[in-house]
Amino acid sequence: MTRKAVIRLRRVYDPPEPGADGVRVLVDRLWPRGLAKAVAGVDEWPKAVTPSAELRKWFHDGGSTEEFRQRYEAELAEPGAELGRLRELAAAGPITLLTSVKDPASSHAAVLAELLAD
C-alpha cells in the first residue's frame, strides 16, 4: 500500500507550525523581502523548481493563467528540475511548499503541489 503524500501550501511569512509542516520548502526564485532566514524556518530552497524569470515576467505582463500552467509544467518536465528530490521528501513525510504570494492556492506553488501529489 502506497502512502498518500501530505503536501501543504503556506505563505512563507506565516510562522512555522512544528510537527504539521514537516519539511519546509521555499518554492520562490527570490528570497522573500523583509524576512530573516532564521525566522523563515526554510529547510530547502530548490530554485530549479521555481518558474523561470522569463516565465514570471511573461505572466506578470498579462499572460493567461492556463498558459502559465502549461509552460510551468513544461519547465518542470525538463532535466534538472529537481522534482525527484521533492517527490522523495513528500514520500517520506509531510512537506510544506512556501511562497511569498498572497494566495498560495492560486499560485505556481499549487501547480507544483498537484504534480507532486500525482
N, C-alpha and C. Protein backbone atom coordinates (compact mmCIF):
# COMPACT_ATOMS: atom_id res chain seq x y z
N MET A 1 0.83 -1.18 0.00
CA MET A 1 0.00 0.00 0.00
C MET A 1 0.88 1.25 0.00
N THR A 2 0.62 2.16 -0.91
CA THR A 2 1.38 3.39 -1.02
C THR A 2 0.73 4.48 -0.17
N ARG A 3 1.57 5.15 0.58
CA ARG A 3 1.08 6.22 1.44
C ARG A 3 0.87 7.49 0.62
N LYS A 4 -0.25 8.15 0.83
CA LYS A 4 -0.55 9.39 0.12
C LYS A 4 0.29 10.52 0.69
N ALA A 5 0.93 11.25 -0.20
CA ALA A 5 1.79 12.36 0.22
C ALA A 5 0.95 13.47 0.85
N VAL A 6 1.48 14.05 1.92
CA VAL A 6 0.85 15.20 2.55
C VAL A 6 1.64 16.43 2.13
N ILE A 7 1.00 17.25 1.31
CA ILE A 7 1.65 18.45 0.78
C ILE A 7 0.80 19.66 1.16
N ARG A 8 1.41 20.57 1.90
CA ARG A 8 0.70 21.78 2.33
C ARG A 8 1.22 22.97 1.55
N LEU A 9 0.38 23.98 1.39
CA LEU A 9 0.76 25.26 0.81
C LEU A 9 0.60 26.32 1.88
N ARG A 10 1.63 27.14 2.05
CA ARG A 10 1.55 28.22 3.04
C ARG A 10 2.36 29.40 2.58
N ARG A 11 2.04 30.55 3.14
CA ARG A 11 2.87 31.73 2.90
C ARG A 11 4.11 31.63 3.78
N VAL A 12 5.23 31.98 3.22
CA VAL A 12 6.48 31.91 3.96
C VAL A 12 6.50 32.90 5.12
N TYR A 13 5.67 33.92 5.05
CA TYR A 13 5.59 34.91 6.12
C TYR A 13 4.82 34.41 7.34
N ASP A 14 4.05 33.34 7.18
CA ASP A 14 3.33 32.77 8.32
C ASP A 14 4.32 31.99 9.19
N PRO A 15 4.15 32.03 10.50
CA PRO A 15 5.10 31.34 11.37
C PRO A 15 5.05 29.83 11.15
N PRO A 16 6.20 29.17 11.28
CA PRO A 16 6.24 27.71 11.13
C PRO A 16 5.32 27.03 12.13
N GLU A 17 4.78 25.89 11.72
CA GLU A 17 3.96 25.05 12.60
C GLU A 17 4.70 23.73 12.79
N PRO A 18 5.57 23.67 13.81
CA PRO A 18 6.35 22.45 14.04
C PRO A 18 5.42 21.24 14.17
N GLY A 19 5.85 20.16 13.57
CA GLY A 19 5.04 18.95 13.60
C GLY A 19 4.10 18.86 12.42
N ALA A 20 3.41 19.92 12.09
CA ALA A 20 2.45 19.90 10.98
C ALA A 20 3.11 20.20 9.64
N ASP A 21 4.11 21.08 9.64
CA ASP A 21 4.73 21.50 8.38
C ASP A 21 5.61 20.43 7.76
N GLY A 22 6.23 19.60 8.56
CA GLY A 22 7.20 18.66 8.01
C GLY A 22 8.38 19.43 7.44
N VAL A 23 8.86 19.03 6.27
CA VAL A 23 9.96 19.73 5.62
C VAL A 23 9.41 20.98 4.95
N ARG A 24 10.00 22.11 5.27
CA ARG A 24 9.54 23.40 4.72
C ARG A 24 10.41 23.74 3.51
N VAL A 25 9.75 23.87 2.34
CA VAL A 25 10.46 24.08 1.08
C VAL A 25 10.01 25.40 0.45
N LEU A 26 10.95 26.32 0.31
CA LEU A 26 10.66 27.59 -0.36
C LEU A 26 10.66 27.35 -1.86
N VAL A 27 9.56 27.72 -2.53
CA VAL A 27 9.45 27.48 -3.97
C VAL A 27 9.38 28.79 -4.76
N ASP A 28 9.98 29.84 -4.22
CA ASP A 28 10.13 31.11 -4.92
C ASP A 28 11.58 31.25 -5.36
N ARG A 29 11.80 31.86 -6.51
CA ARG A 29 13.17 32.03 -7.00
C ARG A 29 13.94 33.07 -6.18
N LEU A 30 13.24 34.10 -5.72
CA LEU A 30 13.88 35.15 -4.94
C LEU A 30 13.53 35.00 -3.46
N TRP A 31 14.49 35.36 -2.61
CA TRP A 31 14.21 35.31 -1.17
C TRP A 31 13.15 36.36 -0.84
N PRO A 32 12.17 36.03 0.01
CA PRO A 32 11.10 36.98 0.36
C PRO A 32 11.63 38.23 1.05
N ARG A 33 11.11 39.37 0.61
CA ARG A 33 11.55 40.65 1.17
C ARG A 33 11.24 40.75 2.66
N GLY A 34 12.20 41.29 3.38
CA GLY A 34 11.99 41.60 4.79
C GLY A 34 11.90 40.41 5.71
N LEU A 35 12.27 39.23 5.24
CA LEU A 35 12.15 38.03 6.08
C LEU A 35 13.54 37.47 6.37
N ALA A 36 13.87 37.40 7.65
CA ALA A 36 15.16 36.84 8.05
C ALA A 36 15.15 35.33 7.87
N LYS A 37 16.25 34.79 7.40
CA LYS A 37 16.33 33.34 7.18
C LYS A 37 16.07 32.55 8.46
N ALA A 38 16.54 33.06 9.57
CA ALA A 38 16.34 32.36 10.85
C ALA A 38 14.86 32.30 11.23
N VAL A 39 14.09 33.31 10.86
CA VAL A 39 12.67 33.36 11.19
C VAL A 39 11.85 32.49 10.24
N ALA A 40 12.27 32.40 8.99
CA ALA A 40 11.50 31.69 7.97
C ALA A 40 11.41 30.19 8.22
N GLY A 41 12.43 29.61 8.79
CA GLY A 41 12.41 28.18 9.06
C GLY A 41 12.37 27.34 7.79
N VAL A 42 13.07 27.78 6.76
CA VAL A 42 13.10 27.06 5.48
C VAL A 42 14.15 25.95 5.57
N ASP A 43 13.74 24.73 5.23
CA ASP A 43 14.66 23.60 5.23
C ASP A 43 15.36 23.41 3.88
N GLU A 44 14.64 23.68 2.80
CA GLU A 44 15.19 23.50 1.46
C GLU A 44 14.72 24.65 0.58
N TRP A 45 15.56 24.99 -0.41
CA TRP A 45 15.23 26.07 -1.34
C TRP A 45 15.71 25.65 -2.74
N PRO A 46 15.00 24.74 -3.39
CA PRO A 46 15.41 24.25 -4.70
C PRO A 46 14.96 25.20 -5.82
N LYS A 47 15.83 26.11 -6.20
CA LYS A 47 15.46 27.13 -7.19
C LYS A 47 15.10 26.54 -8.54
N ALA A 48 15.56 25.31 -8.81
CA ALA A 48 15.26 24.68 -10.11
C ALA A 48 13.79 24.32 -10.27
N VAL A 49 13.00 24.31 -9.18
CA VAL A 49 11.57 24.00 -9.31
C VAL A 49 10.72 25.26 -9.38
N THR A 50 11.36 26.41 -9.36
CA THR A 50 10.62 27.67 -9.43
C THR A 50 10.43 28.08 -10.89
N PRO A 51 9.40 28.84 -11.18
CA PRO A 51 9.23 29.32 -12.56
C PRO A 51 10.43 30.17 -12.97
N SER A 52 10.84 30.03 -14.22
CA SER A 52 11.97 30.81 -14.72
C SER A 52 11.64 32.30 -14.68
N ALA A 53 12.69 33.10 -14.70
CA ALA A 53 12.50 34.55 -14.71
C ALA A 53 11.70 34.98 -15.95
N GLU A 54 11.97 34.33 -17.08
CA GLU A 54 11.25 34.66 -18.31
C GLU A 54 9.76 34.35 -18.18
N LEU A 55 9.44 33.20 -17.58
CA LEU A 55 8.03 32.81 -17.42
C LEU A 55 7.33 33.75 -16.44
N ARG A 56 7.98 34.10 -15.36
CA ARG A 56 7.38 35.02 -14.39
C ARG A 56 7.09 36.37 -15.05
N LYS A 57 8.07 36.88 -15.82
CA LYS A 57 7.89 38.17 -16.49
C LYS A 57 6.74 38.09 -17.49
N TRP A 58 6.70 37.02 -18.28
CA TRP A 58 5.63 36.84 -19.26
C TRP A 58 4.27 36.86 -18.56
N PHE A 59 4.14 36.14 -17.45
CA PHE A 59 2.87 36.08 -16.74
C PHE A 59 2.48 37.45 -16.18
N HIS A 60 3.43 38.13 -15.57
CA HIS A 60 3.13 39.44 -14.98
C HIS A 60 2.86 40.51 -16.03
N ASP A 61 3.28 40.25 -17.26
CA ASP A 61 2.98 41.17 -18.36
C ASP A 61 1.63 40.88 -19.01
N GLY A 62 0.84 40.00 -18.40
CA GLY A 62 -0.52 39.75 -18.89
C GLY A 62 -0.77 38.37 -19.44
N GLY A 63 0.15 37.44 -19.22
CA GLY A 63 -0.06 36.07 -19.69
C GLY A 63 -1.24 35.40 -18.99
N SER A 64 -1.86 34.45 -19.66
CA SER A 64 -3.02 33.78 -19.08
C SER A 64 -2.61 32.73 -18.05
N THR A 65 -3.48 32.50 -17.10
CA THR A 65 -3.21 31.52 -16.05
C THR A 65 -3.06 30.12 -16.63
N GLU A 66 -3.92 29.75 -17.56
CA GLU A 66 -3.86 28.40 -18.13
C GLU A 66 -2.56 28.19 -18.93
N GLU A 67 -2.19 29.18 -19.71
CA GLU A 67 -0.94 29.03 -20.46
C GLU A 67 0.27 29.05 -19.53
N PHE A 68 0.20 29.85 -18.46
CA PHE A 68 1.28 29.84 -17.47
C PHE A 68 1.45 28.43 -16.93
N ARG A 69 0.33 27.82 -16.57
CA ARG A 69 0.37 26.45 -16.02
C ARG A 69 1.04 25.50 -17.00
N GLN A 70 0.66 25.56 -18.27
CA GLN A 70 1.24 24.67 -19.29
C GLN A 70 2.74 24.91 -19.43
N ARG A 71 3.13 26.18 -19.47
CA ARG A 71 4.56 26.49 -19.62
C ARG A 71 5.35 26.08 -18.39
N TYR A 72 4.76 26.28 -17.22
CA TYR A 72 5.45 25.90 -15.98
C TYR A 72 5.60 24.39 -15.89
N GLU A 73 4.57 23.66 -16.23
CA GLU A 73 4.67 22.20 -16.23
C GLU A 73 5.73 21.73 -17.22
N ALA A 74 5.85 22.39 -18.36
CA ALA A 74 6.89 22.05 -19.33
C ALA A 74 8.28 22.31 -18.74
N GLU A 75 8.44 23.42 -18.02
CA GLU A 75 9.72 23.69 -17.37
C GLU A 75 10.05 22.62 -16.34
N LEU A 76 9.04 22.19 -15.59
CA LEU A 76 9.27 21.18 -14.55
C LEU A 76 9.60 19.81 -15.14
N ALA A 77 9.21 19.58 -16.39
CA ALA A 77 9.49 18.30 -17.05
C ALA A 77 10.91 18.25 -17.60
N GLU A 78 11.59 19.38 -17.66
CA GLU A 78 12.95 19.42 -18.18
C GLU A 78 13.91 18.75 -17.21
N PRO A 79 15.00 18.16 -17.76
CA PRO A 79 16.02 17.57 -16.87
C PRO A 79 16.59 18.64 -15.94
N GLY A 80 16.88 18.23 -14.72
CA GLY A 80 17.46 19.15 -13.75
C GLY A 80 16.46 19.95 -12.96
N ALA A 81 15.17 19.68 -13.13
CA ALA A 81 14.15 20.45 -12.41
C ALA A 81 14.02 20.04 -10.95
N GLU A 82 14.67 18.97 -10.54
CA GLU A 82 14.71 18.53 -9.14
C GLU A 82 13.37 18.08 -8.58
N LEU A 83 12.43 17.72 -9.44
CA LEU A 83 11.15 17.21 -8.94
C LEU A 83 11.34 15.91 -8.18
N GLY A 84 12.30 15.11 -8.60
CA GLY A 84 12.56 13.84 -7.93
C GLY A 84 12.86 14.02 -6.46
N ARG A 85 13.66 15.00 -6.14
CA ARG A 85 14.01 15.28 -4.74
C ARG A 85 12.77 15.65 -3.94
N LEU A 86 11.91 16.48 -4.50
CA LEU A 86 10.68 16.86 -3.79
C LEU A 86 9.74 15.67 -3.64
N ARG A 87 9.70 14.81 -4.65
CA ARG A 87 8.86 13.60 -4.54
C ARG A 87 9.38 12.69 -3.43
N GLU A 88 10.68 12.59 -3.30
CA GLU A 88 11.27 11.78 -2.21
C GLU A 88 10.88 12.36 -0.85
N LEU A 89 10.98 13.67 -0.72
CA LEU A 89 10.60 14.32 0.54
C LEU A 89 9.13 14.07 0.85
N ALA A 90 8.27 14.20 -0.15
CA ALA A 90 6.83 14.00 0.05
C ALA A 90 6.53 12.56 0.42
N ALA A 91 7.27 11.62 -0.15
CA ALA A 91 7.04 10.20 0.17
C ALA A 91 7.48 9.88 1.59
N ALA A 92 8.46 10.62 2.10
CA ALA A 92 9.00 10.35 3.43
C ALA A 92 8.16 10.96 4.55
N GLY A 93 7.36 11.95 4.24
CA GLY A 93 6.56 12.60 5.28
C GLY A 93 5.98 13.89 4.76
N PRO A 94 5.31 14.63 5.61
CA PRO A 94 4.67 15.87 5.14
C PRO A 94 5.71 16.89 4.68
N ILE A 95 5.33 17.65 3.64
CA ILE A 95 6.14 18.78 3.22
C ILE A 95 5.22 19.98 3.07
N THR A 96 5.79 21.15 3.27
CA THR A 96 5.05 22.39 3.10
C THR A 96 5.77 23.23 2.06
N LEU A 97 5.05 23.55 0.99
CA LEU A 97 5.59 24.41 -0.05
C LEU A 97 5.30 25.85 0.35
N LEU A 98 6.36 26.64 0.45
CA LEU A 98 6.25 28.01 0.92
C LEU A 98 6.45 28.99 -0.22
N THR A 99 5.63 30.03 -0.23
CA THR A 99 5.74 31.07 -1.23
C THR A 99 5.38 32.40 -0.60
N SER A 100 5.84 33.48 -1.22
CA SER A 100 5.53 34.81 -0.68
C SER A 100 4.25 35.39 -1.28
N VAL A 101 3.66 34.73 -2.28
CA VAL A 101 2.44 35.27 -2.90
C VAL A 101 1.30 35.31 -1.88
N LYS A 102 0.38 36.23 -2.10
CA LYS A 102 -0.72 36.42 -1.14
C LYS A 102 -1.70 35.24 -1.11
N ASP A 103 -1.88 34.58 -2.25
CA ASP A 103 -2.82 33.46 -2.32
C ASP A 103 -2.11 32.22 -2.87
N PRO A 104 -1.46 31.44 -2.01
CA PRO A 104 -0.72 30.27 -2.47
C PRO A 104 -1.56 29.28 -3.27
N ALA A 105 -2.86 29.20 -2.99
CA ALA A 105 -3.72 28.23 -3.67
C ALA A 105 -3.92 28.55 -5.15
N SER A 106 -3.63 29.77 -5.56
CA SER A 106 -3.78 30.12 -6.97
C SER A 106 -2.43 30.55 -7.56
N SER A 107 -1.37 29.96 -7.07
CA SER A 107 -0.02 30.32 -7.50
C SER A 107 0.69 29.13 -8.14
N HIS A 108 1.92 29.36 -8.54
CA HIS A 108 2.74 28.28 -9.08
C HIS A 108 2.94 27.17 -8.06
N ALA A 109 2.89 27.51 -6.77
CA ALA A 109 3.07 26.50 -5.72
C ALA A 109 1.94 25.47 -5.77
N ALA A 110 0.74 25.90 -6.11
CA ALA A 110 -0.39 24.97 -6.23
C ALA A 110 -0.19 24.02 -7.40
N VAL A 111 0.33 24.53 -8.51
CA VAL A 111 0.64 23.68 -9.67
C VAL A 111 1.66 22.63 -9.26
N LEU A 112 2.70 23.07 -8.58
CA LEU A 112 3.75 22.17 -8.13
C LEU A 112 3.20 21.12 -7.17
N ALA A 113 2.36 21.54 -6.24
CA ALA A 113 1.76 20.59 -5.28
C ALA A 113 0.93 19.52 -6.00
N GLU A 114 0.18 19.91 -7.00
CA GLU A 114 -0.62 18.95 -7.76
C GLU A 114 0.28 17.94 -8.46
N LEU A 115 1.37 18.40 -9.05
CA LEU A 115 2.28 17.49 -9.73
C LEU A 115 2.93 16.52 -8.75
N LEU A 116 3.26 17.01 -7.57
CA LEU A 116 3.88 16.15 -6.57
C LEU A 116 2.90 15.13 -6.02
N ALA A 117 1.63 15.50 -5.95
CA ALA A 117 0.61 14.60 -5.40
C ALA A 117 0.28 13.46 -6.35
N ASP A 118 0.50 13.66 -7.65
CA ASP A 118 0.18 12.62 -8.65
C ASP A 118 1.15 11.48 -8.59
